[in-house]
Amino acid sequence: MPESNDIELMRFEKRAGAYIRIAIKTFQNIQYVDIREYVETDSYTGPTKKGIRFELSRLNEFAEMIERARGILSEKESDSESSD
């Protein structure tokens, strides 16, 4: 269950009974981005230890890392297609 100061940005299904949730959380007046696996089972529903949290001020740095990874993967995909 999200805390009252959570802002859920998105969630997507990882597998049946589990999803990835991206949210902005505030703790001790510092905002964080939280990317975490949540589960829904008969015995437990909520967050798991699987995930990362970083200060919102580092979001641009994180986005740059994701774009760099996408570029590398795109290059590898192009390389494998041209070698087929």
N, C-alpha and C. Protein backbone atom coordinates (compact mmCIF):
# COMPACT_ATOMS: atom_id res chain seq x y z
N MET A 1 0.84 -1.19 0.00
CA MET A 1 0.00 0.00 0.00
C MET A 1 0.88 1.24 0.00
N PRO A 2 0.71 2.15 -0.95
CA PRO A 2 1.55 3.34 -1.00
C PRO A 2 1.35 4.22 0.22
N GLU A 3 2.43 4.85 0.67
CA GLU A 3 2.32 5.80 1.76
C GLU A 3 1.70 7.07 1.22
N SER A 4 1.17 7.91 2.12
CA SER A 4 0.45 9.11 1.68
C SER A 4 1.35 10.09 0.94
N ASN A 5 2.67 10.06 1.20
CA ASN A 5 3.56 11.00 0.53
C ASN A 5 4.17 10.41 -0.74
N ASP A 6 3.75 9.22 -1.13
CA ASP A 6 4.23 8.61 -2.37
C ASP A 6 3.50 9.20 -3.56
N ILE A 7 4.23 9.39 -4.66
CA ILE A 7 3.62 9.76 -5.94
C ILE A 7 3.98 8.65 -6.91
N GLU A 8 3.01 7.80 -7.23
CA GLU A 8 3.28 6.71 -8.16
C GLU A 8 3.31 7.25 -9.57
N LEU A 9 4.41 7.01 -10.27
CA LEU A 9 4.57 7.48 -11.64
C LEU A 9 4.06 6.45 -12.63
N MET A 10 4.40 5.18 -12.39
CA MET A 10 3.93 4.12 -13.27
C MET A 10 4.19 2.77 -12.62
N ARG A 11 3.55 1.79 -13.17
CA ARG A 11 3.82 0.39 -12.79
C ARG A 11 3.60 -0.46 -14.02
N PHE A 12 4.34 -1.55 -14.07
CA PHE A 12 4.14 -2.50 -15.17
C PHE A 12 4.36 -3.90 -14.65
N GLU A 13 3.65 -4.84 -15.24
CA GLU A 13 3.69 -6.23 -14.80
C GLU A 13 5.05 -6.85 -15.13
N LYS A 14 5.62 -7.50 -14.14
CA LYS A 14 6.87 -8.24 -14.33
C LYS A 14 6.54 -9.70 -14.66
N ARG A 15 5.62 -10.24 -13.91
CA ARG A 15 5.09 -11.59 -14.12
C ARG A 15 3.79 -11.66 -13.32
N ALA A 16 3.07 -12.77 -13.43
CA ALA A 16 1.82 -12.89 -12.68
C ALA A 16 2.11 -12.75 -11.18
N GLY A 17 1.41 -11.83 -10.54
CA GLY A 17 1.58 -11.63 -9.11
C GLY A 17 2.73 -10.72 -8.72
N ALA A 18 3.40 -10.10 -9.70
CA ALA A 18 4.51 -9.20 -9.39
C ALA A 18 4.56 -8.07 -10.42
N TYR A 19 4.89 -6.89 -9.94
CA TYR A 19 5.01 -5.76 -10.85
C TYR A 19 6.13 -4.84 -10.38
N ILE A 20 6.60 -4.01 -11.30
CA ILE A 20 7.61 -3.00 -11.01
C ILE A 20 6.86 -1.68 -10.84
N ARG A 21 7.17 -1.00 -9.76
CA ARG A 21 6.52 0.29 -9.46
C ARG A 21 7.59 1.37 -9.40
N ILE A 22 7.34 2.46 -10.10
CA ILE A 22 8.24 3.62 -10.07
C ILE A 22 7.49 4.74 -9.37
N ALA A 23 8.10 5.27 -8.31
CA ALA A 23 7.42 6.28 -7.51
C ALA A 23 8.42 7.33 -7.00
N ILE A 24 7.88 8.48 -6.65
CA ILE A 24 8.63 9.50 -5.95
C ILE A 24 8.21 9.39 -4.48
N LYS A 25 9.20 9.25 -3.60
CA LYS A 25 8.94 9.14 -2.17
C LYS A 25 9.69 10.25 -1.44
N THR A 26 9.18 10.63 -0.30
CA THR A 26 9.83 11.63 0.53
C THR A 26 10.15 11.00 1.88
N PHE A 27 11.40 11.15 2.30
CA PHE A 27 11.82 10.66 3.61
C PHE A 27 12.74 11.72 4.21
N GLN A 28 12.41 12.17 5.39
CA GLN A 28 13.16 13.21 6.08
C GLN A 28 13.38 14.43 5.18
N ASN A 29 12.30 14.84 4.52
CA ASN A 29 12.28 16.02 3.64
C ASN A 29 13.19 15.90 2.41
N ILE A 30 13.61 14.71 2.05
CA ILE A 30 14.39 14.48 0.83
C ILE A 30 13.54 13.63 -0.09
N GLN A 31 13.44 14.05 -1.36
CA GLN A 31 12.68 13.27 -2.33
C GLN A 31 13.58 12.25 -3.01
N TYR A 32 13.02 11.06 -3.20
CA TYR A 32 13.74 9.94 -3.81
C TYR A 32 12.91 9.38 -4.95
N VAL A 33 13.61 8.79 -5.93
CA VAL A 33 12.97 7.95 -6.93
C VAL A 33 13.13 6.52 -6.45
N ASP A 34 12.04 5.79 -6.41
CA ASP A 34 12.07 4.41 -5.94
C ASP A 34 11.57 3.52 -7.07
N ILE A 35 12.40 2.59 -7.52
CA ILE A 35 12.04 1.62 -8.56
C ILE A 35 12.12 0.26 -7.89
N ARG A 36 10.98 -0.35 -7.67
CA ARG A 36 10.95 -1.52 -6.81
C ARG A 36 9.96 -2.57 -7.30
N GLU A 37 10.28 -3.82 -7.04
CA GLU A 37 9.35 -4.92 -7.32
C GLU A 37 8.35 -5.03 -6.17
N TYR A 38 7.10 -5.15 -6.53
CA TYR A 38 6.03 -5.39 -5.57
C TYR A 38 5.42 -6.74 -5.89
N VAL A 39 4.93 -7.42 -4.87
CA VAL A 39 4.29 -8.71 -5.09
C VAL A 39 2.89 -8.70 -4.48
N GLU A 40 2.05 -9.54 -5.03
CA GLU A 40 0.69 -9.74 -4.53
C GLU A 40 0.47 -11.24 -4.41
N THR A 41 0.51 -11.73 -3.17
CA THR A 41 0.27 -13.16 -2.92
C THR A 41 -0.80 -13.29 -1.84
N ASP A 42 -1.18 -14.52 -1.55
CA ASP A 42 -2.16 -14.75 -0.49
C ASP A 42 -1.61 -14.34 0.88
N SER A 43 -0.28 -14.50 1.06
CA SER A 43 0.30 -14.23 2.37
C SER A 43 0.92 -12.84 2.52
N TYR A 44 1.23 -12.16 1.40
CA TYR A 44 1.86 -10.85 1.49
C TYR A 44 1.60 -10.05 0.22
N THR A 45 1.28 -8.80 0.41
CA THR A 45 1.15 -7.87 -0.70
C THR A 45 1.92 -6.62 -0.33
N GLY A 46 2.90 -6.26 -1.18
CA GLY A 46 3.67 -5.06 -0.90
C GLY A 46 5.03 -5.10 -1.54
N PRO A 47 5.90 -4.16 -1.10
CA PRO A 47 7.23 -4.04 -1.71
C PRO A 47 8.16 -5.17 -1.29
N THR A 48 9.14 -5.42 -2.14
CA THR A 48 10.19 -6.38 -1.82
C THR A 48 11.50 -5.62 -1.66
N LYS A 49 12.56 -6.33 -1.32
CA LYS A 49 13.88 -5.72 -1.22
C LYS A 49 14.50 -5.50 -2.60
N LYS A 50 13.90 -6.08 -3.63
CA LYS A 50 14.44 -5.98 -4.99
C LYS A 50 14.08 -4.62 -5.58
N GLY A 51 15.07 -3.75 -5.68
CA GLY A 51 14.83 -2.44 -6.25
C GLY A 51 15.95 -1.49 -5.91
N ILE A 52 15.78 -0.26 -6.37
CA ILE A 52 16.76 0.78 -6.08
C ILE A 52 16.04 2.05 -5.68
N ARG A 53 16.76 2.88 -4.94
CA ARG A 53 16.24 4.19 -4.55
C ARG A 53 17.40 5.17 -4.65
N PHE A 54 17.14 6.33 -5.25
CA PHE A 54 18.17 7.37 -5.32
C PHE A 54 17.49 8.73 -5.21
N GLU A 55 18.28 9.73 -4.82
CA GLU A 55 17.73 11.07 -4.65
C GLU A 55 17.20 11.61 -5.98
N LEU A 56 16.08 12.28 -5.90
CA LEU A 56 15.45 12.85 -7.09
C LEU A 56 16.41 13.78 -7.83
N SER A 57 17.31 14.41 -7.11
CA SER A 57 18.27 15.33 -7.74
C SER A 57 19.19 14.61 -8.72
N ARG A 58 19.24 13.29 -8.67
CA ARG A 58 20.11 12.52 -9.57
C ARG A 58 19.33 11.89 -10.73
N LEU A 59 18.07 12.29 -10.89
CA LEU A 59 17.23 11.70 -11.92
C LEU A 59 17.80 11.92 -13.32
N ASN A 60 18.29 13.12 -13.61
CA ASN A 60 18.86 13.37 -14.94
C ASN A 60 20.05 12.48 -15.20
N GLU A 61 20.89 12.27 -14.20
CA GLU A 61 22.05 11.38 -14.34
C GLU A 61 21.60 9.95 -14.64
N PHE A 62 20.55 9.51 -13.94
CA PHE A 62 20.00 8.17 -14.16
C PHE A 62 19.43 8.06 -15.57
N ALA A 63 18.71 9.09 -16.02
CA ALA A 63 18.14 9.09 -17.37
C ALA A 63 19.24 9.01 -18.42
N GLU A 64 20.34 9.72 -18.20
CA GLU A 64 21.47 9.65 -19.13
C GLU A 64 22.04 8.25 -19.20
N MET A 65 22.12 7.57 -18.05
CA MET A 65 22.62 6.19 -18.04
C MET A 65 21.69 5.28 -18.84
N ILE A 66 20.39 5.47 -18.70
CA ILE A 66 19.42 4.65 -19.43
C ILE A 66 19.56 4.91 -20.93
N GLU A 67 19.69 6.17 -21.33
CA GLU A 67 19.85 6.49 -22.75
C GLU A 67 21.14 5.90 -23.30
N ARG A 68 22.20 5.94 -22.50
CA ARG A 68 23.47 5.35 -22.94
C ARG A 68 23.31 3.84 -23.14
N ALA A 69 22.64 3.20 -22.19
CA ALA A 69 22.40 1.75 -22.30
C ALA A 69 21.57 1.43 -23.54
N ARG A 70 20.54 2.24 -23.80
CA ARG A 70 19.71 2.04 -24.99
C ARG A 70 20.53 2.16 -26.26
N GLY A 71 21.43 3.14 -26.29
CA GLY A 71 22.30 3.33 -27.46
C GLY A 71 23.21 2.14 -27.68
N ILE A 72 23.80 1.65 -26.61
CA ILE A 72 24.69 0.48 -26.71
C ILE A 72 23.91 -0.74 -27.19
N LEU A 73 22.73 -0.96 -26.62
CA LEU A 73 21.92 -2.10 -27.03
C LEU A 73 21.48 -1.97 -28.48
N SER A 74 21.15 -0.75 -28.90
CA SER A 74 20.75 -0.51 -30.28
C SER A 74 21.91 -0.82 -31.23
N GLU A 75 23.12 -0.41 -30.86
CA GLU A 75 24.30 -0.71 -31.67
C GLU A 75 24.52 -2.21 -31.78
N LYS A 76 24.40 -2.91 -30.66
CA LYS A 76 24.58 -4.36 -30.67
C LYS A 76 23.52 -5.04 -31.53
N GLU A 77 22.30 -4.53 -31.44
CA GLU A 77 21.22 -5.09 -32.25
C GLU A 77 21.50 -4.89 -33.74
N SER A 78 21.98 -3.69 -34.10
CA SER A 78 22.32 -3.40 -35.50
C SER A 78 23.46 -4.29 -35.98
N ASP A 79 24.47 -4.48 -35.12
CA ASP A 79 25.59 -5.34 -35.47
C ASP A 79 25.15 -6.77 -35.71
N SER A 80 24.26 -7.28 -34.87
CA SER A 80 23.82 -8.68 -35.02
C SER A 80 22.94 -8.84 -36.24
N GLU A 81 22.15 -7.81 -36.58
CA GLU A 81 21.31 -7.87 -37.77
C GLU A 81 22.14 -7.83 -39.04
N SER A 82 23.24 -7.04 -39.03
CA SER A 82 24.05 -6.94 -40.23
C SER A 82 24.93 -8.16 -40.43
N SER A 83 25.15 -8.93 -39.38
CA SER A 83 25.99 -10.14 -39.52
C SER A 83 25.15 -11.36 -39.90
N ASP A 84 23.82 -11.20 -39.91
CA ASP A 84 22.95 -12.34 -40.28
C ASP A 84 22.92 -12.61 -41.74
